C-alpha atoms as a PDB file:
ATOM      1  CA  UNK A   1      30.081   9.866 -12.022  1.00  0.00           C
ATOM      2  CA  UNK A   2      26.582  10.944 -12.948  1.00  0.00           C
ATOM      3  CA  UNK A   3      26.011  14.641 -12.405  1.00  0.00           C
ATOM      4  CA  UNK A   4      23.308  15.167  -9.806  1.00  0.00           C
ATOM      5  CA  UNK A   5      23.086  18.956  -9.521  1.00  0.00           C
ATOM      6  CA  UNK A   6      19.805  20.820 -10.015  1.00  0.00           C
ATOM      7  CA  UNK A   7      17.691  17.757  -9.309  1.00  0.00           C
ATOM      8  CA  UNK A   8      14.454  18.680  -7.523  1.00  0.00           C
ATOM      9  CA  UNK A   9      13.792  16.400  -4.545  1.00  0.00           C
ATOM     10  CA  UNK A  10      10.800  16.392  -2.202  1.00  0.00           C
ATOM     11  CA  UNK A  11      11.360  15.373   1.432  1.00  0.00           C
ATOM     12  CA  UNK A  12       8.251  14.025   3.158  1.00  0.00           C
ATOM     13  CA  UNK A  13       8.754  13.739   6.910  1.00  0.00           C
ATOM     14  CA  UNK A  14       6.668  11.222   8.881  1.00  0.00           C
ATOM     15  CA  UNK A  15       8.481  11.075  12.244  1.00  0.00           C
ATOM     16  CA  UNK A  16      10.344   8.027  13.526  1.00  0.00           C
ATOM     17  CA  UNK A  17      13.603   7.713  15.455  1.00  0.00           C
ATOM     18  CA  UNK A  18      15.376   9.930  12.949  1.00  0.00           C
ATOM     19  CA  UNK A  19      13.189  12.862  14.079  1.00  0.00           C
ATOM     20  CA  UNK A  20      12.934  11.906  17.754  1.00  0.00           C
ATOM     21  CA  UNK A  21      13.851  13.913  20.820  1.00  0.00           C
ATOM     22  CA  UNK A  22      14.112  12.895  24.462  1.00  0.00           C
ATOM     23  CA  UNK A  23      11.066  13.261  26.722  1.00  0.00           C
ATOM     24  CA  UNK A  24       9.967  11.995  30.138  1.00  0.00           C
ATOM     25  CA  UNK A  25       8.129   9.179  28.349  1.00  0.00           C
ATOM     26  CA  UNK A  26      11.138   8.228  26.219  1.00  0.00           C
ATOM     27  CA  UNK A  27      12.035   9.134  22.654  1.00  0.00           C
ATOM     28  CA  UNK A  28       9.194  10.747  20.695  1.00  0.00           C
ATOM     29  CA  UNK A  29       9.141  12.331  17.218  1.00  0.00           C
ATOM     30  CA  UNK A  30       9.814  16.038  17.577  1.00  0.00           C
ATOM     31  CA  UNK A  31      12.022  17.275  14.737  1.00  0.00           C
ATOM     32  CA  UNK A  32      10.592  18.708  11.544  1.00  0.00           C
ATOM     33  CA  UNK A  33      11.802  17.782   8.098  1.00  0.00           C
ATOM     34  CA  UNK A  34      13.358  21.238   7.761  1.00  0.00           C
ATOM     35  CA  UNK A  35      15.359  20.650  10.951  1.00  0.00           C
ATOM     36  CA  UNK A  36      16.573  17.291   9.645  1.00  0.00           C
ATOM     37  CA  UNK A  37      17.625  18.919   6.397  1.00  0.00           C
ATOM     38  CA  UNK A  38      19.370  21.801   8.178  1.00  0.00           C
ATOM     39  CA  UNK A  39      21.563  19.324  10.076  1.00  0.00           C
ATOM     40  CA  UNK A  40      22.904  17.955   6.789  1.00  0.00           C
ATOM     41  CA  UNK A  41      24.279  21.273   5.583  1.00  0.00           C
ATOM     42  CA  UNK A  42      24.540  21.921   1.858  1.00  0.00           C
ATOM     43  CA  UNK A  43      23.364  19.315  -0.657  1.00  0.00           C
ATOM     44  CA  UNK A  44      23.567  19.578  -4.468  1.00  0.00           C
ATOM     45  CA  UNK A  45      19.793  19.461  -4.964  1.00  0.00           C
ATOM     46  CA  UNK A  46      16.799  21.753  -4.890  1.00  0.00           C
ATOM     47  CA  UNK A  47      14.913  20.369  -1.916  1.00  0.00           C
ATOM     48  CA  UNK A  48      11.358  21.064  -0.812  1.00  0.00           C
ATOM     49  CA  UNK A  49      10.166  19.813   2.575  1.00  0.00           C
ATOM     50  CA  UNK A  50       6.705  18.825   3.724  1.00  0.00           C
ATOM     51  CA  UNK A  51       5.868  17.391   7.150  1.00  0.00           C
ATOM     52  CA  UNK A  52       2.960  15.013   6.638  1.00  0.00           C
ATOM     53  CA  UNK A  53       3.051  12.949   9.868  1.00  0.00           C
ATOM     54  CA  UNK A  54       4.883  12.919  13.192  1.00  0.00           C
ATOM     55  CA  UNK A  55       4.601   9.345  14.402  1.00  0.00           C
ATOM     56  CA  UNK A  56       6.642   6.535  15.818  1.00  0.00           C
ATOM     57  CA  UNK A  57       6.434   3.982  13.032  1.00  0.00           C
ATOM     58  CA  UNK A  58       4.854   1.458  15.399  1.00  0.00           C
ATOM     59  CA  UNK A  59       1.760   3.650  15.030  1.00  0.00           C
ATOM     60  CA  UNK A  60       1.893   3.681  11.222  1.00  0.00           C
ATOM     61  CA  UNK A  61      -0.923   1.452  10.029  1.00  0.00           C
ATOM     62  CA  UNK A  62      -2.979   0.953   6.844  1.00  0.00           C
ATOM     63  CA  UNK A  63      -4.639   4.354   7.211  1.00  0.00           C
ATOM     64  CA  UNK A  64      -1.208   6.012   7.268  1.00  0.00           C
ATOM     65  CA  UNK A  65      -0.025   3.891   4.328  1.00  0.00           C
ATOM     66  CA  UNK A  66      -2.936   5.234   2.309  1.00  0.00           C
ATOM     67  CA  UNK A  67      -2.221   8.809   3.396  1.00  0.00           C
ATOM     68  CA  UNK A  68       1.497   8.564   2.532  1.00  0.00           C
ATOM     69  CA  UNK A  69       0.663   7.037  -0.868  1.00  0.00           C
ATOM     70  CA  UNK A  70      -1.848   9.805  -1.556  1.00  0.00           C
ATOM     71  CA  UNK A  71       0.703  12.488  -0.664  1.00  0.00           C
ATOM     72  CA  UNK A  72       3.341  10.944  -2.924  1.00  0.00           C
ATOM     73  CA  UNK A  73       0.887  10.647  -5.807  1.00  0.00           C
ATOM     74  CA  UNK A  74      -0.469  14.184  -5.386  1.00  0.00           C
ATOM     75  CA  UNK A  75       2.852  15.983  -4.810  1.00  0.00           C
ATOM     76  CA  UNK A  76       5.201  14.115  -7.154  1.00  0.00           C
ATOM     77  CA  UNK A  77       4.741  16.370 -10.196  1.00  0.00           C
ATOM     78  CA  UNK A  78       7.694  18.645 -10.832  1.00  0.00           C
ATOM     79  CA  UNK A  79      10.114  16.571  -8.773  1.00  0.00           C
ATOM     80  CA  UNK A  80      12.849  14.176  -9.894  1.00  0.00           C
ATOM     81  CA  UNK A  81      12.562  12.051  -6.774  1.00  0.00           C
ATOM     82  CA  UNK A  82      11.013  11.799  -3.322  1.00  0.00           C
ATOM     83  CA  UNK A  83      12.603  10.966   0.024  1.00  0.00           C
ATOM     84  CA  UNK A  84      10.365   9.763   2.859  1.00  0.00           C
ATOM     85  CA  UNK A  85      11.860   9.889   6.364  1.00  0.00           C
ATOM     86  CA  UNK A  86      10.244   7.109   8.380  1.00  0.00           C
ATOM     87  CA  UNK A  87      10.699   5.070  11.543  1.00  0.00           C
ATOM     88  CA  UNK A  88      12.550   1.811  11.051  1.00  0.00           C
ATOM     89  CA  UNK A  89      10.258  -0.629  12.863  1.00  0.00           C
ATOM     90  CA  UNK A  90       7.563  -0.752  10.165  1.00  0.00           C
ATOM     91  CA  UNK A  91       9.462   0.797   7.259  1.00  0.00           C
ATOM     92  CA  UNK A  92       9.686  -2.508   5.337  1.00  0.00           C
ATOM     93  CA  UNK A  93       5.907  -2.895   5.582  1.00  0.00           C
ATOM     94  CA  UNK A  94       5.315   0.665   4.379  1.00  0.00           C
ATOM     95  CA  UNK A  95       7.735   0.276   1.477  1.00  0.00           C
ATOM     96  CA  UNK A  96       6.099  -2.998   0.458  1.00  0.00           C
ATOM     97  CA  UNK A  97       2.592  -1.588   0.587  1.00  0.00           C
ATOM     98  CA  UNK A  98       3.572   1.556  -1.343  1.00  0.00           C
ATOM     99  CA  UNK A  99       4.844  -0.813  -4.054  1.00  0.00           C
ATOM    100  CA  UNK A 100       1.292  -2.081  -4.538  1.00  0.00           C
ATOM    101  CA  UNK A 101      -0.588   1.153  -3.866  1.00  0.00           C
ATOM    102  CA  UNK A 102       1.558   3.107  -6.358  1.00  0.00           C
ATOM    103  CA  UNK A 103       2.041   0.651  -9.214  1.00  0.00           C
ATOM    104  CA  UNK A 104       3.826   2.182 -12.196  1.00  0.00           C
ATOM    105  CA  UNK A 105       5.347   4.919 -10.036  1.00  0.00           C
ATOM    106  CA  UNK A 106       7.124   7.323 -12.378  1.00  0.00           C
ATOM    107  CA  UNK A 107       9.965   8.539 -10.155  1.00  0.00           C
ATOM    108  CA  UNK A 108      12.184   7.084  -7.427  1.00  0.00           C
ATOM    109  CA  UNK A 109      10.657   7.133  -3.942  1.00  0.00           C
ATOM    110  CA  UNK A 110      13.238   6.401  -1.257  1.00  0.00           C
ATOM    111  CA  UNK A 111      12.374   5.630   2.356  1.00  0.00           C
ATOM    112  CA  UNK A 112      14.992   6.050   5.040  1.00  0.00           C
ATOM    113  CA  UNK A 113      15.349   6.456   8.768  1.00  0.00           C
ATOM    114  CA  UNK A 114      17.905   5.827  11.451  1.00  0.00           C
ATOM    115  CA  UNK A 115      18.678   3.731  14.486  1.00  0.00           C
ATOM    116  CA  UNK A 116      19.819   6.794  16.447  1.00  0.00           C
ATOM    117  CA  UNK A 117      18.103  10.219  16.459  1.00  0.00           C
ATOM    118  CA  UNK A 118      19.536  12.919  14.215  1.00  0.00           C
ATOM    119  CA  UNK A 119      20.453  15.072  17.209  1.00  0.00           C
ATOM    120  CA  UNK A 120      22.854  12.432  18.612  1.00  0.00           C
ATOM    121  CA  UNK A 121      26.535  13.030  17.888  1.00  0.00           C
ATOM    122  CA  UNK A 122      27.199   9.578  16.430  1.00  0.00           C
ATOM    123  CA  UNK A 123      23.851   9.174  14.674  1.00  0.00           C
ATOM    124  CA  UNK A 124      23.546   7.173  11.474  1.00  0.00           C
ATOM    125  CA  UNK A 125      20.812   9.588  10.345  1.00  0.00           C
ATOM    126  CA  UNK A 126      22.937  12.078   8.354  1.00  0.00           C
ATOM    127  CA  UNK A 127      24.568   9.388   6.242  1.00  0.00           C
ATOM    128  CA  UNK A 128      21.279   7.581   5.617  1.00  0.00           C
ATOM    129  CA  UNK A 129      19.566  10.796   4.544  1.00  0.00           C
ATOM    130  CA  UNK A 130      22.402  11.783   2.210  1.00  0.00           C
ATOM    131  CA  UNK A 131      22.295   8.367   0.578  1.00  0.00           C
ATOM    132  CA  UNK A 132      18.511   8.597   0.242  1.00  0.00           C
ATOM    133  CA  UNK A 133      18.784  11.960  -1.535  1.00  0.00           C
ATOM    134  CA  UNK A 134      21.454  10.598  -3.857  1.00  0.00           C
ATOM    135  CA  UNK A 135      19.236   7.591  -4.634  1.00  0.00           C
ATOM    136  CA  UNK A 136      16.209   9.819  -5.255  1.00  0.00           C
ATOM    137  CA  UNK A 137      18.315  11.785  -7.745  1.00  0.00           C
ATOM    138  CA  UNK A 138      19.733   8.826  -9.663  1.00  0.00           C
ATOM    139  CA  UNK A 139      17.697   5.615  -9.322  1.00  0.00           C
ATOM    140  CA  UNK A 140      15.123   4.390 -11.810  1.00  0.00           C
ATOM    141  CA  UNK A 141      11.462   4.829 -10.855  1.00  0.00           C
ATOM    142  CA  UNK A 142      10.442   2.561  -8.005  1.00  0.00           C
ATOM    143  CA  UNK A 143      10.027   2.260  -4.238  1.00  0.00           C
ATOM    144  CA  UNK A 144      13.306   1.890  -2.342  1.00  0.00           C
ATOM    145  CA  UNK A 145      14.827   1.803   1.120  1.00  0.00           C
ATOM    146  CA  UNK A 146      18.190   3.496   1.689  1.00  0.00           C
ATOM    147  CA  UNK A 147      20.093   2.362   4.750  1.00  0.00           C
ATOM    148  CA  UNK A 148      23.702   1.862   5.770  1.00  0.00           C
ATOM    149  CA  UNK A 149      25.016   2.933   2.328  1.00  0.00           C
ATOM    150  CA  UNK A 150      22.825   0.473   0.452  1.00  0.00           C
ATOM    151  CA  UNK A 151      19.877   1.134  -1.840  1.00  0.00           C
ATOM    152  CA  UNK A 152      17.385  -1.723  -1.735  1.00  0.00           C
ATOM    153  CA  UNK A 153      14.088  -2.393  -3.440  1.00  0.00           C
ATOM    154  CA  UNK A 154      11.448  -1.687  -0.804  1.00  0.00           C
ATOM    155  CA  UNK A 155       9.413  -4.840  -1.402  1.00  0.00           C
ATOM    156  CA  UNK A 156      12.514  -6.995  -0.803  1.00  0.00           C
ATOM    157  CA  UNK A 157      13.618  -5.484   2.512  1.00  0.00           C
ATOM    158  CA  UNK A 158      13.501  -6.847   6.038  1.00  0.00           C
ATOM    159  CA  UNK A 159      14.633  -5.205   9.264  1.00  0.00           C
ATOM    160  CA  UNK A 160      17.057  -7.647  10.883  1.00  0.00           C
ATOM    161  CA  UNK A 161      18.582  -5.652  13.763  1.00  0.00           C
ATOM    162  CA  UNK A 162      17.124  -3.662  16.637  1.00  0.00           C
ATOM    163  CA  UNK A 163      20.079  -1.334  17.207  1.00  0.00           C
ATOM    164  CA  UNK A 164      22.853  -2.057  14.673  1.00  0.00           C
ATOM    165  CA  UNK A 165      23.368   0.403  11.842  1.00  0.00           C
ATOM    166  CA  UNK A 166      23.165  -2.396   9.218  1.00  0.00           C
ATOM    167  CA  UNK A 167      19.536  -2.856  10.186  1.00  0.00           C
ATOM    168  CA  UNK A 168      18.046  -3.718   6.784  1.00  0.00           C
ATOM    169  CA  UNK A 169      18.857  -6.442   4.313  1.00  0.00           C
ATOM    170  CA  UNK A 170      17.703  -7.042   0.765  1.00  0.00           C
ATOM    171  CA  UNK A 171      16.364 -10.596   0.769  1.00  0.00           C
ATOM    172  CA  UNK A 172      16.990 -12.987  -2.152  1.00  0.00           C
ATOM    173  CA  UNK A 173      18.143 -10.224  -4.516  1.00  0.00           C
ATOM    174  CA  UNK A 174      21.197  -7.982  -4.388  1.00  0.00           C
ATOM    175  CA  UNK A 175      20.849  -4.351  -3.371  1.00  0.00           C
ATOM    176  CA  UNK A 176      19.967  -2.137  -6.299  1.00  0.00           C
ATOM    177  CA  UNK A 177      22.984   0.067  -5.606  1.00  0.00           C
ATOM    178  CA  UNK A 178      25.937   0.460  -3.289  1.00  0.00           C
ATOM    179  CA  UNK A 179      27.537   3.715  -2.231  1.00  0.00           C
ATOM    180  CA  UNK A 180      31.271   4.147  -2.750  1.00  0.00           C
ATOM    181  CA  UNK A 181      33.694   5.703  -0.311  1.00  0.00           C
ATOM    182  CA  UNK A 182      32.891   9.311  -1.270  1.00  0.00           C
ATOM    183  CA  UNK A 183      29.269   8.801  -0.195  1.00  0.00           C
ATOM    184  CA  UNK A 184      27.740  10.129  -3.430  1.00  0.00           C
ATOM    185  CA  UNK A 185      28.807   7.990  -6.363  1.00  0.00           C
ATOM    186  CA  UNK A 186      26.303   5.139  -6.682  1.00  0.00           C
ATOM    187  CA  UNK A 187      27.296   1.991  -8.549  1.00  0.00           C
ATOM    188  CA  UNK A 188      24.102   0.384  -9.811  1.00  0.00           C
ATOM    189  CA  UNK A 189      23.868  -3.377  -9.846  1.00  0.00           C
ATOM    190  CA  UNK A 190      21.829  -5.511 -12.178  1.00  0.00           C
ATOM    191  CA  UNK A 191      18.320  -6.290 -10.972  1.00  0.00           C
ATOM    192  CA  UNK A 192      15.772  -8.629 -12.500  1.00  0.00           C
ATOM    193  CA  UNK A 193      12.868  -6.195 -12.395  1.00  0.00           C
ATOM    194  CA  UNK A 194      12.878  -3.381 -14.930  1.00  0.00           C
ATOM    195  CA  UNK A 195       9.850  -1.058 -14.801  1.00  0.00           C
ATOM    196  CA  UNK A 196       8.010  -0.682 -18.086  1.00  0.00           C
ATOM    197  CA  UNK A 197       8.737   2.585 -19.840  1.00  0.00           C
ATOM    198  CA  UNK A 198       5.058   2.733 -20.741  1.00  0.00           C
ATOM    199  CA  UNK A 199       3.714   2.127 -17.223  1.00  0.00           C
ATOM    200  CA  UNK A 200       1.221   4.681 -15.983  1.00  0.00           C
ATOM    201  CA  UNK A 201       1.327   5.537 -12.305  1.00  0.00           C
ATOM    202  CA  UNK A 202      -1.911   4.628 -10.559  1.00  0.00           C
ATOM    203  CA  UNK A 203      -3.033   5.277  -6.994  1.00  0.00           C
ATOM    204  CA  UNK A 204      -5.093   2.548  -5.362  1.00  0.00           C
ATOM    205  CA  UNK A 205      -5.199   2.565  -1.573  1.00  0.00           C
ATOM    206  CA  UNK A 206      -7.992   0.040  -1.013  1.00  0.00           C
ATOM    207  CA  UNK A 207      -6.831  -2.697   1.355  1.00  0.00           C
ATOM    208  CA  UNK A 208      -8.426  -5.403   3.473  1.00  0.00           C
ATOM    209  CA  UNK A 209      -7.140  -5.097   7.030  1.00  0.00           C
ATOM    210  CA  UNK A 210      -8.751  -8.290   8.314  1.00  0.00           C
ATOM    211  CA  UNK A 211      -5.797 -10.535   7.539  1.00  0.00           C
ATOM    212  CA  UNK A 212      -3.505 -12.519   9.796  1.00  0.00           C
ATOM    213  CA  UNK A 213       0.107 -13.652   9.732  1.00  0.00           C
ATOM    214  CA  UNK A 214       1.201 -16.523  11.939  1.00  0.00           C
ATOM    215  CA  UNK A 215       4.477 -18.262  12.539  1.00  0.00           C
ATOM    216  CA  UNK A 216       4.104 -22.023  12.681  1.00  0.00           C
ATOM    217  CA  UNK A 217       5.718 -23.764  15.644  1.00  0.00           C
ATOM    218  CA  UNK A 218       5.629 -27.338  16.966  1.00  0.00           C
ATOM    219  CA  UNK A 219       2.412 -27.754  18.932  1.00  0.00           C
ATOM    220  CA  UNK A 220       0.475 -24.947  17.196  1.00  0.00           C
ATOM    221  CA  UNK A 221      -3.246 -25.636  17.502  1.00  0.00           C
ATOM    222  CA  UNK A 222      -4.867 -25.657  14.022  1.00  0.00           C
ATOM    223  CA  UNK A 223      -8.190 -24.716  15.620  1.00  0.00           C
ATOM    224  CA  UNK A 224      -6.770 -21.210  16.013  1.00  0.00           C
ATOM    225  CA  UNK A 225      -6.946 -20.794  12.224  1.00  0.00           C
ATOM    226  CA  UNK A 226     -10.650 -21.613  12.146  1.00  0.00           C
ATOM    227  CA  UNK A 227     -11.239 -19.256  15.050  1.00  0.00           C
ATOM    228  CA  UNK A 228      -9.509 -16.485  13.122  1.00  0.00           C
ATOM    229  CA  UNK A 229     -11.754 -17.012  10.118  1.00  0.00           C
ATOM    230  CA  UNK A 230     -14.822 -17.209  12.371  1.00  0.00           C
ATOM    231  CA  UNK A 231     -13.837 -13.805  13.780  1.00  0.00           C
ATOM    232  CA  UNK A 232     -13.671 -12.241  10.318  1.00  0.00           C
ATOM    233  CA  UNK A 233     -10.167 -12.865   8.990  1.00  0.00           C
ATOM    234  CA  UNK A 234     -10.250 -12.803   5.169  1.00  0.00           C
ATOM    235  CA  UNK A 235      -6.763 -14.108   4.388  1.00  0.00           C
ATOM    236  CA  UNK A 236      -3.808 -15.686   6.190  1.00  0.00           C
ATOM    237  CA  UNK A 237      -0.048 -15.720   5.630  1.00  0.00           C
ATOM    238  CA  UNK A 238       1.665 -18.651   7.337  1.00  0.00           C
ATOM    239  CA  UNK A 239       5.403 -18.650   7.977  1.00  0.00           C
ATOM    240  CA  UNK A 240       5.900 -22.385   7.548  1.00  0.00           C
ATOM    241  CA  UNK A 241       8.980 -24.535   8.099  1.00  0.00           C
ATOM    242  CA  UNK A 242      11.864 -24.576   5.635  1.00  0.00           C
ATOM    243  CA  UNK A 243      10.595 -24.919   2.083  1.00  0.00           C
ATOM    244  CA  UNK A 244       7.001 -24.601   3.290  1.00  0.00           C
ATOM    245  CA  UNK A 245       6.432 -27.741   5.313  1.00  0.00           C
ATOM    246  CA  UNK A 246       3.407 -28.033   7.615  1.00  0.00           C
ATOM    247  CA  UNK A 247       2.605 -30.834  10.044  1.00  0.00           C
ATOM    248  CA  UNK A 248      -0.323 -33.225   9.555  1.00  0.00           C
ATOM    249  CA  UNK A 249       0.272 -35.682  12.445  1.00  0.00           C
ATOM    250  CA  UNK A 250      -1.891 -35.196  15.563  1.00  0.00           C
ATOM    251  CA  UNK A 251      -2.373 -31.439  15.052  1.00  0.00           C
ATOM    252  CA  UNK A 252      -3.333 -31.476  11.390  1.00  0.00           C
ATOM    253  CA  UNK A 253      -2.410 -28.074   9.974  1.00  0.00           C
ATOM    254  CA  UNK A 254      -2.810 -29.326   6.408  1.00  0.00           C
ATOM    255  CA  UNK A 255      -6.425 -30.369   6.964  1.00  0.00           C
ATOM    256  CA  UNK A 256      -7.223 -27.097   8.754  1.00  0.00           C
ATOM    257  CA  UNK A 257      -5.785 -25.099   5.869  1.00  0.00           C
ATOM    258  CA  UNK A 258      -7.829 -27.098   3.382  1.00  0.00           C
ATOM    259  CA  UNK A 259     -11.025 -26.431   5.328  1.00  0.00           C
ATOM    260  CA  UNK A 260     -10.288 -22.700   5.452  1.00  0.00           C
ATOM    261  CA  UNK A 261      -9.558 -22.572   1.736  1.00  0.00           C
ATOM    262  CA  UNK A 262     -12.847 -24.391   1.078  1.00  0.00           C
ATOM    263  CA  UNK A 263     -14.466 -21.418   2.824  1.00  0.00           C
ATOM    264  CA  UNK A 264     -12.890 -19.118   0.229  1.00  0.00           C
ATOM    265  CA  UNK A 265     -10.131 -17.756   2.453  1.00  0.00           C
ATOM    266  CA  UNK A 266      -6.701 -17.645   0.768  1.00  0.00           C
ATOM    267  CA  UNK A 267      -3.719 -19.033   2.679  1.00  0.00           C
ATOM    268  CA  UNK A 268      -0.240 -17.999   1.545  1.00  0.00           C
ATOM    269  CA  UNK A 269       2.697 -20.145   2.630  1.00  0.00           C
ATOM    270  CA  UNK A 270       6.020 -18.387   3.175  1.00  0.00           C
ATOM    271  CA  UNK A 271       9.146 -19.662   4.878  1.00  0.00           C
ATOM    272  CA  UNK A 272      10.435 -18.844   8.336  1.00  0.00           C
ATOM    273  CA  UNK A 273      13.863 -18.765   6.729  1.00  0.00           C
ATOM    274  CA  UNK A 274      14.905 -15.318   5.515  1.00  0.00           C
ATOM    275  CA  UNK A 275      16.750 -16.522   2.457  1.00  0.00           C
ATOM    276  CA  UNK A 276      15.827 -18.634  -0.554  1.00  0.00           C
ATOM    277  CA  UNK A 277      12.404 -19.718  -1.692  1.00  0.00           C
ATOM    278  CA  UNK A 278       9.356 -21.650  -0.587  1.00  0.00           C
ATOM    279  CA  UNK A 279       8.868 -24.800  -2.677  1.00  0.00           C
ATOM    280  CA  UNK A 280       5.742 -26.727  -1.757  1.00  0.00           C
ATOM    281  CA  UNK A 281       6.576 -29.486  -4.267  1.00  0.00           C
ATOM    282  CA  UNK A 282       9.770 -30.693  -2.573  1.00  0.00           C
ATOM    283  CA  UNK A 283       8.558 -32.607   0.481  1.00  0.00           C
ATOM    284  CA  UNK A 284       5.408 -34.513   1.338  1.00  0.00           C
ATOM    285  CA  UNK A 285       4.526 -32.023   4.082  1.00  0.00           C
ATOM    286  CA  UNK A 286       4.617 -29.213   1.528  1.00  0.00           C
ATOM    287  CA  UNK A 287       2.884 -31.089  -1.274  1.00  0.00           C
ATOM    288  CA  UNK A 288       0.012 -31.923   1.045  1.00  0.00           C
ATOM    289  CA  UNK A 289      -0.530 -28.240   1.806  1.00  0.00           C
ATOM    290  CA  UNK A 290      -0.285 -27.374  -1.888  1.00  0.00           C
ATOM    291  CA  UNK A 291      -2.864 -30.029  -2.781  1.00  0.00           C
ATOM    292  CA  UNK A 292      -5.202 -28.475  -0.221  1.00  0.00           C
ATOM    293  CA  UNK A 293      -4.863 -25.166  -2.087  1.00  0.00           C
ATOM    294  CA  UNK A 294      -2.168 -23.255  -0.205  1.00  0.00           C
ATOM    295  CA  UNK A 295      -0.546 -20.493  -2.288  1.00  0.00           C
ATOM    296  CA  UNK A 296       3.249 -20.483  -2.411  1.00  0.00           C
ATOM    297  CA  UNK A 297       4.906 -17.211  -1.433  1.00  0.00           C
ATOM    298  CA  UNK A 298       8.035 -18.327  -3.330  1.00  0.00           C
ATOM    299  CA  UNK A 299      10.930 -16.033  -2.346  1.00  0.00           C
ATOM    300  CA  UNK A 300       8.833 -13.133  -1.066  1.00  0.00           C
ATOM    301  CA  UNK A 301       9.462 -11.550   2.313  1.00  0.00           C
ATOM    302  CA  UNK A 302       6.677 -11.966   4.846  1.00  0.00           C
ATOM    303  CA  UNK A 303       6.262  -8.180   4.829  1.00  0.00           C
ATOM    304  CA  UNK A 304       5.701  -8.180   1.097  1.00  0.00           C
ATOM    305  CA  UNK A 305       3.430 -11.244   1.183  1.00  0.00           C
ATOM    306  CA  UNK A 306       1.088  -9.846   3.822  1.00  0.00           C
ATOM    307  CA  UNK A 307       0.834  -6.415   2.187  1.00  0.00           C
ATOM    308  CA  UNK A 308       0.281  -7.980  -1.234  1.00  0.00           C
ATOM    309  CA  UNK A 309      -2.498 -10.108   0.258  1.00  0.00           C
ATOM    310  CA  UNK A 310      -4.074  -7.088   1.983  1.00  0.00           C
ATOM    311  CA  UNK A 311      -4.010  -5.119  -1.265  1.00  0.00           C
ATOM    312  CA  UNK A 312      -5.369  -7.996  -3.356  1.00  0.00           C
ATOM    313  CA  UNK A 313      -8.284  -8.591  -1.001  1.00  0.00           C
ATOM    314  CA  UNK A 314      -8.905  -4.856  -0.913  1.00  0.00           C
ATOM    315  CA  UNK A 315      -9.606  -5.012  -4.647  1.00  0.00           C
ATOM    316  CA  UNK A 316     -12.360  -7.544  -4.045  1.00  0.00           C
ATOM    317  CA  UNK A 317     -10.374 -10.459  -5.450  1.00  0.00           C
ATOM    318  CA  UNK A 318     -11.756 -13.908  -4.720  1.00  0.00           C
ATOM    319  CA  UNK A 319      -9.637 -16.950  -3.916  1.00  0.00           C
ATOM    320  CA  UNK A 320      -8.698 -17.756  -7.499  1.00  0.00           C
ATOM    321  CA  UNK A 321      -8.021 -14.108  -8.315  1.00  0.00           C
ATOM    322  CA  UNK A 322      -5.647 -13.929  -5.335  1.00  0.00           C
ATOM    323  CA  UNK A 323      -3.926 -17.124  -6.472  1.00  0.00           C
ATOM    324  CA  UNK A 324      -3.403 -15.662  -9.952  1.00  0.00           C
ATOM    325  CA  UNK A 325      -2.192 -12.367  -8.460  1.00  0.00           C
ATOM    326  CA  UNK A 326       0.447 -14.175  -6.397  1.00  0.00           C
ATOM    327  CA  UNK A 327       1.607 -15.885  -9.583  1.00  0.00           C
ATOM    328  CA  UNK A 328       2.540 -12.470 -11.002  1.00  0.00           C
ATOM    329  CA  UNK A 329       5.553 -10.281 -10.322  1.00  0.00           C
ATOM    330  CA  UNK A 330       4.031  -6.824  -9.870  1.00  0.00           C
ATOM    331  CA  UNK A 331       7.110  -4.751  -9.081  1.00  0.00           C
ATOM    332  CA  UNK A 332      10.045  -7.053  -8.391  1.00  0.00           C
ATOM    333  CA  UNK A 333       8.665  -8.456  -5.138  1.00  0.00           C
ATOM    334  CA  UNK A 334       8.868 -12.109  -6.221  1.00  0.00           C
ATOM    335  CA  UNK A 335      10.836 -14.340  -8.572  1.00  0.00           C
ATOM    336  CA  UNK A 336       8.520 -16.292 -10.877  1.00  0.00           C
ATOM    337  CA  UNK A 337      10.244 -19.324 -12.351  1.00  0.00           C
ATOM    338  CA  UNK A 338       7.324 -21.603 -13.151  1.00  0.00           C
END
């Protein structure tokens, strides 16, 4: 077992269910990071706490992503790892965006939260926090989510349950690590993405917020896409059927996508299915969309695809730049096989 004593860990508290208390309006964030830490008792690390936000994660938006990234970048020196306590509802989006805003991150940053507030007797918060600290002390540099005794790459995570403790899953890749029965010893698994030892951490919080993500369904009116672009949308992620199929009979989604792309607006095709990859070459309905210029999201999560698109457009990338960017694996968010 790897010795983890004397590691210096920074806890950044942002609110969420883990820090919530009861009020007349329902649960609201009310516990400080120091109070969360006090509940855990002794831990074998030197821990510093900083409360940077106190929000339900439904209220965490691009402005908060930028602020969290800035705090991580500014405060990381002198620490071996960082834990970010965060609400669960948008945690996968935050973790994905931090992956792009903090490329080349030079220490492990581990997001965690809970389905039940820390103050509840049977809360999952203490275990999740302990695992997050252990991950921050032992994992390779990167952005992670720790939940239900699993350590997962942040840009591969999806929240799949509203109340169950196994709320997050690592999609299309195994968890980076699993926790054994003693709750501390972490058995690392192989993972395709290995950060470059020569990577330099950069902070870039510029994003384009005028993007849209839609889920295709039978009867969807393609005119909605044009209306979105007319209203200022700069990029669209479509959760298509299966391997990426889109209808062209009667309501011609394929034609609508082609017209939008001709206007310079990138369209990324992901799958409504959680597992496995988008392959626009397999069926006619996918090939047609590909020929019109749709960009395959491959095996990315929708959370990762939309944040990657927001970040790419925020850099001023044009359509072809975005296409090339989606053909690159930046930090383990996608499997490139062609």
